[in-house]
């Protein structure tokens, strides 16, 4: 006896069923949910959801449906993925050769008022 699938998206991998065309209705919504929110999918975005669905299923505008579903996914909105390269190691600043060769200045603003002032200028230099 063949193992039974635990979700709709696993049906093709278990060899129990294959649906080529999915008519409009609740089945499309269920497939979108399983192939995006399911344990095998993991909220990986519209492109991966579309790729996952196209392996076994077809309906007109499948890509648009997947993109709309992902745009309305609450989990994806609350935890967006960051597609930035990780920052490299910090590089030390060169050691100044003499006094006042390196001077820095910054402003601290929105402080509690003191004698009518709410900001200070901070200066620093290497000696």
Protein backbone atom coordinates (compact mmCIF):
# COMPACT_ATOMS: atom_id res chain seq x y z
CA UNK A 1 0.00 0.00 0.00
CA UNK A 2 1.30 3.46 -0.95
CA UNK A 3 1.80 6.06 1.79
CA UNK A 4 -0.94 8.65 2.04
CA UNK A 5 0.05 12.30 1.55
CA UNK A 6 -0.01 14.61 4.55
CA UNK A 7 -0.88 17.67 2.44
CA UNK A 8 -2.23 18.40 -1.01
CA UNK A 9 1.18 19.55 -2.25
CA UNK A 10 2.69 16.15 -1.43
CA UNK A 11 0.16 14.23 -3.53
CA UNK A 12 2.33 14.15 -6.65
CA UNK A 13 5.44 13.08 -4.72
CA UNK A 14 3.61 10.12 -3.16
CA UNK A 15 2.33 9.03 -6.55
CA UNK A 16 -1.29 8.93 -5.40
CA UNK A 17 -2.70 11.65 -7.61
CA UNK A 18 -1.82 14.30 -10.17
CA UNK A 19 -4.09 17.18 -11.12
CA UNK A 20 -3.20 18.95 -14.36
CA UNK A 21 -5.94 21.59 -14.48
CA UNK A 22 -7.51 23.14 -11.38
CA UNK A 23 -10.94 24.74 -11.93
CA UNK A 24 -11.92 27.96 -10.15
CA UNK A 25 -13.06 27.51 -6.59
CA UNK A 26 -11.94 26.47 -3.15
CA UNK A 27 -9.41 23.94 -4.46
CA UNK A 28 -7.24 26.73 -5.87
CA UNK A 29 -7.34 28.55 -2.53
CA UNK A 30 -6.45 25.34 -0.70
CA UNK A 31 -3.54 24.65 -3.06
CA UNK A 32 -2.22 28.19 -2.65
CA UNK A 33 -2.44 27.88 1.11
CA UNK A 34 -0.74 24.46 1.23
CA UNK A 35 2.00 25.39 -1.24
CA UNK A 36 2.83 28.67 0.50
CA UNK A 37 1.96 28.17 4.18
CA UNK A 38 2.55 24.42 4.41
CA UNK A 39 5.49 22.77 6.18
CA UNK A 40 7.25 21.99 2.88
CA UNK A 41 6.88 25.55 1.57
CA UNK A 42 7.77 27.77 4.51
CA UNK A 43 6.53 31.18 3.24
CA UNK A 44 9.24 31.43 0.59
CA UNK A 45 7.64 34.10 -1.59
CA UNK A 46 5.62 34.29 -4.79
CA UNK A 47 8.30 32.95 -7.14
CA UNK A 48 8.90 29.76 -5.16
CA UNK A 49 5.16 29.26 -4.54
CA UNK A 50 4.52 29.59 -8.27
CA UNK A 51 7.33 27.17 -9.11
CA UNK A 52 6.02 24.68 -6.54
CA UNK A 53 2.48 24.85 -7.97
CA UNK A 54 3.57 24.63 -11.62
CA UNK A 55 5.25 21.27 -10.97
CA UNK A 56 1.87 19.57 -10.66
CA UNK A 57 -0.96 22.00 -11.34
CA UNK A 58 -2.16 24.48 -13.93
CA UNK A 59 -4.78 27.18 -14.18
CA UNK A 60 -4.90 30.47 -16.10
CA UNK A 61 -3.10 33.31 -14.27
CA UNK A 62 -1.53 30.92 -11.75
CA UNK A 63 1.42 33.30 -11.28
CA UNK A 64 -0.88 36.28 -10.59
CA UNK A 65 -2.92 34.26 -8.11
CA UNK A 66 0.24 33.19 -6.26
CA UNK A 67 1.54 36.79 -6.15
CA UNK A 68 -1.81 38.06 -4.82
CA UNK A 69 -1.87 35.34 -2.17
CA UNK A 70 1.67 36.11 -1.00
CA UNK A 71 0.92 39.87 -0.88
CA UNK A 72 -1.97 39.18 1.50
CA UNK A 73 -0.09 36.63 3.65
CA UNK A 74 0.02 38.07 7.18
CA UNK A 75 3.10 36.03 8.17
CA UNK A 76 5.07 37.30 5.16
CA UNK A 77 4.06 40.90 5.88
CA UNK A 78 5.13 40.64 9.53
CA UNK A 79 8.43 38.85 8.79
CA UNK A 80 9.81 40.12 5.48
CA UNK A 81 12.92 38.48 4.14
CA UNK A 82 16.02 40.61 3.78
CA UNK A 83 17.87 40.08 0.52
CA UNK A 84 21.00 42.04 1.38
CA UNK A 85 24.53 40.77 1.41
CA UNK A 86 25.82 40.42 4.95
CA UNK A 87 28.13 43.25 6.01
CA UNK A 88 31.83 42.49 6.08
CA UNK A 89 34.22 42.80 8.99
CA UNK A 90 34.87 46.21 10.52
CA UNK A 91 38.06 47.93 9.40
CA UNK A 92 40.06 49.89 11.98
CA UNK A 93 40.65 53.61 11.43
CA UNK A 94 44.22 54.67 10.75
CA UNK A 95 46.16 55.98 13.76
CA UNK A 96 46.66 59.78 13.47
CA UNK A 97 50.26 60.94 13.24
CA UNK A 98 49.82 64.09 15.31
CA UNK A 99 47.40 65.98 17.59
CA UNK A 100 44.24 67.45 16.06
CA UNK A 101 44.74 65.48 12.86
CA UNK A 102 41.43 63.73 13.46
CA UNK A 103 38.52 65.76 14.82
CA UNK A 104 34.89 64.66 15.10
CA UNK A 105 31.70 66.52 15.94
CA UNK A 106 28.14 65.40 16.67
CA UNK A 107 24.91 66.91 17.99
CA UNK A 108 22.76 65.37 20.70
CA UNK A 109 19.23 66.70 20.24
CA UNK A 110 15.80 66.29 21.85
CA UNK A 111 17.25 66.32 25.36
CA UNK A 112 15.22 67.49 28.36
CA UNK A 113 15.38 71.30 28.45
CA UNK A 114 18.03 72.84 30.69
CA UNK A 115 18.20 76.63 31.00
CA UNK A 116 16.16 76.88 27.79
CA UNK A 117 18.40 74.57 25.70
CA UNK A 118 17.57 71.03 24.51
CA UNK A 119 20.68 70.12 22.46
CA UNK A 120 24.43 69.95 22.89
CA UNK A 121 27.36 69.79 20.47
CA UNK A 122 29.93 67.10 21.25
CA UNK A 123 33.49 67.49 19.87
CA UNK A 124 36.26 64.96 20.05
CA UNK A 125 39.80 64.70 18.80
CA UNK A 126 42.83 62.51 19.19
CA UNK A 127 45.83 63.91 20.97
